[in-house]
């Protein structure tokens, strides 16, 4: 959403019912907008907390007197909003980069981190931009966690007094084509992955399997599968993402490798006791219905991280899973295309093998296709191909 260390846009998250008013009147501060009775999507405790925070101690203004834009829209606040609302009801408004020049001339500020967080600080525009660029790799990415501060820093904000004119609006992002139908604006983009939704979903008829293109870590399956090697190193790909987003899982993985619990043909399950929303949602303690526990199925697709994947190892692992999933208590499962990508195996071999075993289970299964897959012929995604005898 931004170039290399170059902030090109800023974002506002709102209910789709508020969009017509914003396009007509501009984006108003909380104090100014109350006369318009907007559709509220944010938790009242979060909003009320901002009422008493003064970003500039020399003035009596609070955060309620400022409009706020995010530098990264795909953050813990959006995750919380999507958790409490339906994605089709939410829009993300992208503002032009020139809003930063406007902010410089109109006493704008930048919060380094969520403006309502006690550890965040407020800076003048130039100094704030310098600080954000220094910590670019922490906040400008697709995922976050609490331990490295990225959860707070990804919600850094641009604060502008009173109002931002509608002329600064560049693009409106929606989750689906249906959501865009009643929006009167020239530049509307359908981008479901921005809303933690899959880009592609295809149910294999008369089976328990769904093929998906998207971000598996935001799947609602009880158990998420991570492709690993048997030597305890998570260096690239999905495993590297998991290592940084869920560091406790990485520790457990290394211990399991050292104790020989993970070996070729034998996956291992880390039955995590931390609620997913404790890490992914903003202000998770106030959620009425927090997201459930997530387990990790650590599935060995390589013996050594330098080696390519072996199809026979994957088949043995799938056989183990079919035999043990009920005993282990797995109730729903998401998996990547095992051994594809960095493992160098092709979907034409892996897909049918996975579906052969997974279709025998009595639980919902989602297989997440490789992001850069070479599945150009749709026949490789059909039941006829994947479940052929």
Protein backbone atom coordinates (compact mmCIF):
# COMPACT_ATOMS: atom_id res chain seq x y z
CA UNK A 1 0.00 0.00 0.00
CA UNK A 2 3.05 2.24 0.04
CA UNK A 3 6.31 2.39 -1.88
CA UNK A 4 9.74 1.74 -0.41
CA UNK A 5 9.94 4.11 2.56
CA UNK A 6 7.58 6.49 0.83
CA UNK A 7 4.19 7.29 2.35
CA UNK A 8 1.87 7.72 -0.63
CA UNK A 9 -1.58 7.53 0.95
CA UNK A 10 -3.52 7.62 4.21
CA UNK A 11 -6.70 5.79 5.18
CA UNK A 12 -9.95 6.12 7.06
CA UNK A 13 -12.18 3.20 8.11
CA UNK A 14 -15.93 3.75 8.34
CA UNK A 15 -19.37 2.22 7.95
CA UNK A 16 -20.64 2.28 4.39
CA UNK A 17 -23.73 4.23 5.54
CA UNK A 18 -21.48 7.18 6.47
CA UNK A 19 -19.87 7.40 3.06
CA UNK A 20 -22.42 9.68 1.36
CA UNK A 21 -22.08 12.24 4.15
CA UNK A 22 -18.26 12.14 3.99
CA UNK A 23 -18.30 12.61 0.21
CA UNK A 24 -20.60 15.60 0.65
CA UNK A 25 -19.30 17.25 3.83
CA UNK A 26 -15.74 15.97 4.12
CA UNK A 27 -14.32 13.99 7.01
CA UNK A 28 -15.27 15.66 10.28
CA UNK A 29 -13.87 15.41 13.79
CA UNK A 30 -15.82 13.46 16.40
CA UNK A 31 -17.11 16.68 18.00
CA UNK A 32 -18.24 18.08 14.64
CA UNK A 33 -19.86 14.95 13.28
CA UNK A 34 -22.24 14.27 16.16
CA UNK A 35 -24.97 16.47 14.69
CA UNK A 36 -25.06 14.15 11.65
CA UNK A 37 -25.76 11.00 13.72
CA UNK A 38 -23.22 8.74 12.02
CA UNK A 39 -23.26 4.94 12.08
CA UNK A 40 -20.78 4.05 14.81
CA UNK A 41 -18.40 1.14 14.22
CA UNK A 42 -15.90 1.74 17.01
CA UNK A 43 -16.22 0.47 20.57
CA UNK A 44 -17.58 3.17 22.92
CA UNK A 45 -14.77 2.63 25.41
CA UNK A 46 -12.19 3.32 22.70
CA UNK A 47 -14.01 6.48 21.58
CA UNK A 48 -14.47 7.77 25.14
CA UNK A 49 -10.80 7.22 25.93
CA UNK A 50 -9.89 9.66 23.17
CA UNK A 51 -12.06 12.40 24.69
CA UNK A 52 -9.56 13.11 27.47
CA UNK A 53 -6.31 12.89 25.50
CA UNK A 54 -4.71 16.22 24.58
CA UNK A 55 -2.17 15.76 21.77
CA UNK A 56 -0.87 19.30 22.31
CA UNK A 57 -0.53 20.17 26.02
CA UNK A 58 -0.49 23.89 25.19
CA UNK A 59 -4.05 23.72 23.88
CA UNK A 60 -7.33 22.52 25.35
CA UNK A 61 -8.16 20.41 22.31
CA UNK A 62 -8.61 16.68 22.71
CA UNK A 63 -8.57 13.92 20.11
CA UNK A 64 -12.29 14.53 19.66
CA UNK A 65 -11.38 17.83 17.97
CA UNK A 66 -9.28 16.10 15.31
CA UNK A 67 -9.99 13.97 12.30
CA UNK A 68 -7.70 10.94 12.14
CA UNK A 69 -6.25 8.92 9.27
CA UNK A 70 -4.18 5.74 9.46
CA UNK A 71 -0.88 5.26 7.66
CA UNK A 72 -1.64 1.53 7.38
CA UNK A 73 -5.29 0.55 7.02
CA UNK A 74 -4.75 -3.18 7.54
CA UNK A 75 -4.28 -2.98 11.29
CA UNK A 76 -5.63 -4.21 14.61
CA UNK A 77 -8.46 -1.67 14.59
CA UNK A 78 -9.71 -2.84 11.20
CA UNK A 79 -9.46 -6.44 12.40
CA UNK A 80 -11.62 -5.57 15.41
CA UNK A 81 -14.15 -3.69 13.27
CA UNK A 82 -14.46 -6.60 10.83
CA UNK A 83 -14.81 -8.97 13.79
CA UNK A 84 -17.77 -6.98 15.15
CA UNK A 85 -19.32 -5.95 11.80
CA UNK A 86 -19.81 -7.67 8.49
CA UNK A 87 -17.03 -6.84 6.03
CA UNK A 88 -19.62 -5.79 3.43
CA UNK A 89 -20.65 -2.91 5.74
CA UNK A 90 -17.15 -1.44 5.96
CA UNK A 91 -15.31 0.81 3.52
CA UNK A 92 -11.74 2.09 3.58
CA UNK A 93 -11.25 5.58 2.19
CA UNK A 94 -7.83 6.35 0.77
CA UNK A 95 -6.73 9.99 0.95
CA UNK A 96 -4.21 11.64 -1.35
CA UNK A 97 -0.63 12.13 -0.26
CA UNK A 98 -1.14 15.88 -0.57
CA UNK A 99 -3.13 15.77 2.68
CA UNK A 100 0.26 15.77 4.41
CA UNK A 101 1.04 19.20 2.92
CA UNK A 102 -2.35 20.41 4.10
CA UNK A 103 -1.62 19.07 7.58
CA UNK A 104 1.71 20.93 7.75
CA UNK A 105 -0.08 24.23 7.08
CA UNK A 106 -2.96 23.57 9.50
CA UNK A 107 -1.27 22.48 12.74
CA UNK A 108 -1.52 18.78 12.00
CA UNK A 109 0.17 16.17 14.15
CA UNK A 110 1.32 12.57 13.81
CA UNK A 111 0.88 10.03 16.57
CA UNK A 112 3.64 7.43 16.63
CA UNK A 113 1.35 4.53 17.38
CA UNK A 114 -2.34 4.44 18.25
CA UNK A 115 -3.17 7.96 19.44
CA UNK A 116 -5.19 6.64 22.38
CA UNK A 117 -2.35 4.42 23.65
CA UNK A 118 -0.37 5.62 26.67
CA UNK A 119 2.96 4.69 25.04
CA UNK A 120 2.33 6.69 21.87
CA UNK A 121 3.76 10.17 21.31
CA UNK A 122 2.67 13.15 19.22
CA UNK A 123 4.98 14.87 16.76
CA UNK A 124 4.88 17.73 14.29
CA UNK A 125 4.44 16.46 10.73
CA UNK A 126 8.06 16.55 9.56
CA UNK A 127 9.41 14.93 12.72
CA UNK A 128 6.61 12.36 12.73
CA UNK A 129 7.34 11.31 9.15
CA UNK A 130 11.03 10.91 9.96
CA UNK A 131 10.20 8.65 12.92
CA UNK A 132 7.79 6.53 10.89
CA UNK A 133 10.43 5.98 8.21
CA UNK A 134 12.93 4.89 10.87
CA UNK A 135 10.57 2.15 12.02
CA UNK A 136 9.24 1.36 8.52
CA UNK A 137 9.74 -2.40 8.75
CA UNK A 138 7.72 -2.57 11.99
CA UNK A 139 4.50 -0.85 10.97
CA UNK A 140 4.39 -1.10 7.17
CA UNK A 141 3.56 -4.79 6.71
CA UNK A 142 0.57 -7.14 6.52
CA UNK A 143 0.66 -8.53 10.05
CA UNK A 144 1.51 -7.52 13.59
CA UNK A 145 1.98 -8.78 17.10
CA UNK A 146 2.01 -7.27 20.54
CA UNK A 147 5.51 -8.27 21.63
CA UNK A 148 7.45 -6.17 19.10
CA UNK A 149 5.15 -3.14 19.36
CA UNK A 150 3.91 -3.47 15.77
CA UNK A 151 0.29 -3.87 16.89
CA UNK A 152 0.35 -0.33 18.35
CA UNK A 153 2.68 1.23 15.76
CA UNK A 154 0.64 0.00 12.79
CA UNK A 155 -2.16 2.24 14.07
CA UNK A 156 -0.07 5.43 13.82
CA UNK A 157 -2.31 8.34 12.85
CA UNK A 158 -2.32 11.66 11.05
CA UNK A 159 -4.36 14.15 13.10
CA UNK A 160 -5.93 17.25 11.51
CA UNK A 161 -8.13 19.76 13.34
CA UNK A 162 -11.85 19.79 12.64
CA UNK A 163 -12.17 18.64 9.03
CA UNK A 164 -10.57 17.13 5.93
CA UNK A 165 -12.20 18.20 2.68
CA UNK A 166 -13.69 15.56 0.37
CA UNK A 167 -11.44 16.80 -2.44
CA UNK A 168 -8.58 14.89 -0.79
CA UNK A 169 -10.34 11.54 -1.25
CA UNK A 170 -8.57 9.44 -3.87
CA UNK A 171 -9.99 5.90 -3.73
CA UNK A 172 -12.66 3.93 -1.92
CA UNK A 173 -11.94 0.27 -1.16
CA UNK A 174 -14.75 -2.25 -0.68
CA UNK A 175 -14.84 -5.94 0.13
CA UNK A 176 -16.99 -7.06 -2.81
CA UNK A 177 -18.63 -5.95 -6.04
CA UNK A 178 -22.00 -5.99 -4.29
CA UNK A 179 -20.75 -3.48 -1.73
CA UNK A 180 -19.78 -1.04 -4.48
CA UNK A 181 -23.16 -0.97 -6.24
CA UNK A 182 -24.68 2.03 -4.43
CA UNK A 183 -21.53 4.13 -4.04
CA UNK A 184 -21.37 7.20 -6.27
CA UNK A 185 -17.65 7.76 -6.72
CA UNK A 186 -15.35 7.43 -9.71
CA UNK A 187 -12.54 5.36 -8.20
CA UNK A 188 -13.83 2.28 -6.36
CA UNK A 189 -11.61 -0.77 -5.94
CA UNK A 190 -12.76 -4.22 -4.82
CA UNK A 191 -9.94 -5.62 -2.67
CA UNK A 192 -11.18 -8.32 -0.29
CA UNK A 193 -7.73 -9.20 1.09
CA UNK A 194 -7.48 -5.68 2.52
CA UNK A 195 -10.49 -6.63 4.68
CA UNK A 196 -9.00 -9.98 5.76
CA UNK A 197 -11.28 -11.75 3.28
CA UNK A 198 -10.13 -14.33 0.70
CA UNK A 199 -9.72 -13.33 -2.94
CA UNK A 200 -11.02 -16.65 -4.21
CA UNK A 201 -13.25 -19.33 -2.69
CA UNK A 202 -14.36 -22.50 -4.45
CA UNK A 203 -16.16 -25.37 -2.74
CA UNK A 204 -15.48 -28.81 -4.12
CA UNK A 205 -18.99 -30.11 -4.65
CA UNK A 206 -20.19 -32.86 -2.30
CA UNK A 207 -17.00 -32.70 -0.23
CA UNK A 208 -15.78 -31.07 2.97
CA UNK A 209 -13.03 -29.19 1.08
CA UNK A 210 -12.90 -25.52 0.06
CA UNK A 211 -10.10 -24.09 -2.08
CA UNK A 212 -9.07 -20.57 -1.08
CA UNK A 213 -6.72 -17.80 -2.18
CA UNK A 214 -6.04 -15.44 0.70
CA UNK A 215 -4.35 -15.02 4.07
CA UNK A 216 -4.58 -18.28 6.00
CA UNK A 217 -3.69 -16.61 9.31
CA UNK A 218 -7.03 -14.84 9.31
CA UNK A 219 -8.91 -18.06 8.69
CA UNK A 220 -11.49 -18.96 11.31
CA UNK A 221 -10.46 -22.60 11.36
CA UNK A 222 -9.67 -24.05 14.77
CA UNK A 223 -6.31 -25.40 13.55
CA UNK A 224 -3.90 -23.69 11.16
CA UNK A 225 -1.21 -25.71 9.37
CA UNK A 226 2.38 -24.48 9.01
CA UNK A 227 4.79 -26.23 6.64
CA UNK A 228 8.07 -26.83 8.49
CA UNK A 229 11.35 -28.72 8.28
CA UNK A 230 12.59 -31.16 10.93
CA UNK A 231 15.67 -29.18 12.05
CA UNK A 232 13.93 -26.30 13.84
CA UNK A 233 14.56 -23.44 11.40
CA UNK A 234 11.84 -21.12 10.09
CA UNK A 235 13.64 -18.99 7.54
CA UNK A 236 11.34 -18.23 4.61
CA UNK A 237 7.78 -18.26 3.37
CA UNK A 238 4.79 -19.12 5.50
CA UNK A 239 6.96 -20.46 8.32
CA UNK A 240 8.87 -17.18 8.59
CA UNK A 241 5.60 -15.25 8.77
CA UNK A 242 4.37 -17.58 11.53
CA UNK A 243 7.65 -17.23 13.42
CA UNK A 244 7.34 -13.44 13.62
CA UNK A 245 3.60 -13.19 14.15
CA UNK A 246 3.38 -15.98 16.74
CA UNK A 247 6.79 -16.19 18.47
CA UNK A 248 5.48 -18.56 21.16
CA UNK A 249 4.69 -21.08 18.41
CA UNK A 250 8.26 -20.84 17.12
CA UNK A 251 9.65 -21.67 20.57
CA UNK A 252 7.38 -24.71 20.82
CA UNK A 253 8.39 -25.81 17.32
CA UNK A 254 12.10 -25.70 18.16
CA UNK A 255 11.52 -27.69 21.34
CA UNK A 256 9.47 -30.27 19.43
CA UNK A 257 12.27 -30.70 16.88
CA UNK A 258 14.89 -31.15 19.61
CA UNK A 259 12.76 -33.78 21.35
CA UNK A 260 12.10 -35.58 18.03
CA UNK A 261 8.35 -35.00 18.22
CA UNK A 262 8.45 -33.66 14.67
CA UNK A 263 9.95 -35.89 12.03
CA UNK A 264 9.38 -36.81 8.40
CA UNK A 265 5.86 -38.19 7.99
CA UNK A 266 4.77 -37.23 11.52
CA UNK A 267 3.23 -33.78 12.14
CA UNK A 268 2.88 -32.31 15.63
CA UNK A 269 0.12 -30.13 17.08
CA UNK A 270 0.78 -27.10 19.29
CA UNK A 271 -2.47 -26.66 21.22
CA UNK A 272 -2.15 -22.97 21.90
CA UNK A 273 -4.01 -21.51 24.89
CA UNK A 274 -3.94 -17.85 23.80
CA UNK A 275 -7.07 -16.35 22.22
CA UNK A 276 -6.32 -15.08 18.72
CA UNK A 277 -8.06 -11.78 19.45
CA UNK A 278 -5.74 -11.13 22.38
CA UNK A 279 -3.04 -10.48 19.78
CA UNK A 280 -4.90 -9.35 16.69
CA UNK A 281 -7.70 -7.06 17.91
CA UNK A 282 -7.36 -3.55 19.28
CA UNK A 283 -8.50 -3.36 22.93
CA UNK A 284 -9.42 -7.09 23.02
CA UNK A 285 -10.56 -7.06 26.66
CA UNK A 286 -13.76 -5.21 25.70
CA UNK A 287 -14.83 -7.60 22.94
CA UNK A 288 -18.22 -9.17 23.65
CA UNK A 289 -17.48 -12.32 21.64
CA UNK A 290 -13.72 -12.84 21.42
CA UNK A 291 -12.36 -15.09 18.71
CA UNK A 292 -11.52 -18.61 19.87
CA UNK A 293 -8.34 -20.53 20.44
CA UNK A 294 -6.17 -21.44 17.48
CA UNK A 295 -4.00 -24.52 17.32
CA UNK A 296 -1.04 -24.99 14.99
CA UNK A 297 -0.46 -28.19 13.06
CA UNK A 298 3.27 -28.20 12.34
CA UNK A 299 3.51 -30.33 9.23
CA UNK A 300 7.01 -31.39 8.07
CA UNK A 301 7.32 -30.96 4.31
CA UNK A 302 11.14 -30.87 4.33
CA UNK A 303 13.73 -32.86 6.25
CA UNK A 304 16.32 -30.08 6.07
CA UNK A 305 15.49 -26.50 5.16
CA UNK A 306 17.91 -26.68 2.20
CA UNK A 307 16.18 -29.75 0.71
CA UNK A 308 13.18 -29.82 -1.64
CA UNK A 309 10.00 -31.38 -0.33
CA UNK A 310 9.35 -35.07 -0.85
CA UNK A 311 5.92 -36.24 -1.93
CA UNK A 312 6.21 -39.48 0.05
CA UNK A 313 6.86 -37.51 3.29
CA UNK A 314 3.76 -35.42 2.64
CA UNK A 315 1.66 -38.51 1.98
CA UNK A 316 2.84 -40.12 5.22
CA UNK A 317 1.99 -36.93 7.10
CA UNK A 318 -1.49 -36.82 5.57
CA UNK A 319 -2.03 -40.47 6.50
CA UNK A 320 -1.01 -39.67 10.09
CA UNK A 321 -3.41 -36.73 10.13
CA UNK A 322 -6.32 -38.80 8.83
CA UNK A 323 -5.69 -41.42 11.47
CA UNK A 324 -5.26 -39.00 14.41
CA UNK A 325 -7.28 -35.81 13.79
CA UNK A 326 -10.32 -36.94 15.79
CA UNK A 327 -8.25 -38.25 18.68
CA UNK A 328 -6.34 -34.96 18.80
CA UNK A 329 -9.58 -32.95 18.88
CA UNK A 330 -9.23 -31.08 15.56
CA UNK A 331 -12.64 -29.71 14.58
CA UNK A 332 -11.75 -27.62 11.50
CA UNK A 333 -8.53 -27.25 9.57
CA UNK A 334 -6.79 -24.84 7.19
CA UNK A 335 -3.72 -25.89 5.23
CA UNK A 336 -1.39 -24.39 2.62
CA UNK A 337 -0.57 -26.34 -0.54
CA UNK A 338 1.95 -28.62 1.17
CA UNK A 339 5.38 -28.68 -0.46
CA UNK A 340 4.51 -26.20 -3.20
CA UNK A 341 6.39 -22.94 -3.60
CA UNK A 342 9.68 -23.19 -1.70
CA UNK A 343 9.26 -26.97 -1.54
CA UNK A 344 9.37 -27.09 -5.37
CA UNK A 345 6.48 -29.56 -5.74
CA UNK A 346 3.70 -28.90 -8.23
CA UNK A 347 0.00 -28.51 -7.47
CA UNK A 348 -0.76 -31.13 -10.11
CA UNK A 349 0.83 -33.70 -7.77
CA UNK A 350 0.15 -32.17 -4.34
CA UNK A 351 -3.48 -31.12 -4.89
CA UNK A 352 -4.91 -34.58 -5.69
CA UNK A 353 -2.85 -36.16 -2.90
CA UNK A 354 -4.12 -33.70 -0.28
CA UNK A 355 -7.73 -33.97 -1.43
CA UNK A 356 -7.57 -37.78 -1.46
CA UNK A 357 -6.81 -37.86 2.26
CA UNK A 358 -8.55 -34.71 3.49
CA UNK A 359 -11.86 -35.58 1.81
CA UNK A 360 -12.10 -38.62 4.09
CA UNK A 361 -12.29 -36.43 7.20
CA UNK A 362 -15.58 -35.38 8.75
CA UNK A 363 -14.55 -31.77 9.45
CA UNK A 364 -14.45 -28.58 7.32
CA UNK A 365 -11.17 -28.26 5.41
CA UNK A 366 -9.76 -25.19 3.66
CA UNK A 367 -6.77 -25.52 1.36
CA UNK A 368 -5.02 -22.21 0.70
CA UNK A 369 -3.53 -22.14 -2.78
CA UNK A 370 -0.04 -20.68 -3.34
CA UNK A 371 -0.02 -16.92 -3.79
CA UNK A 372 2.11 -17.16 -6.92
CA UNK A 373 0.78 -20.49 -8.12
CA UNK A 374 1.01 -21.62 -11.73
CA UNK A 375 -2.50 -23.04 -11.87
CA UNK A 376 -3.44 -21.51 -15.21
CA UNK A 377 -5.83 -24.23 -16.25
CA UNK A 378 -8.98 -24.28 -14.12
CA UNK A 379 -9.30 -28.02 -14.59
CA UNK A 380 -6.63 -28.42 -11.88
CA UNK A 381 -9.09 -26.94 -9.37
CA UNK A 382 -12.02 -29.20 -10.24
CA UNK A 383 -13.41 -32.14 -8.33
CA UNK A 384 -12.87 -34.33 -11.39
CA UNK A 385 -9.12 -33.68 -11.29
CA UNK A 386 -8.51 -33.41 -7.53
CA UNK A 387 -10.56 -36.46 -6.55
CA UNK A 388 -9.88 -38.64 -9.55
CA UNK A 389 -9.36 -42.31 -8.77
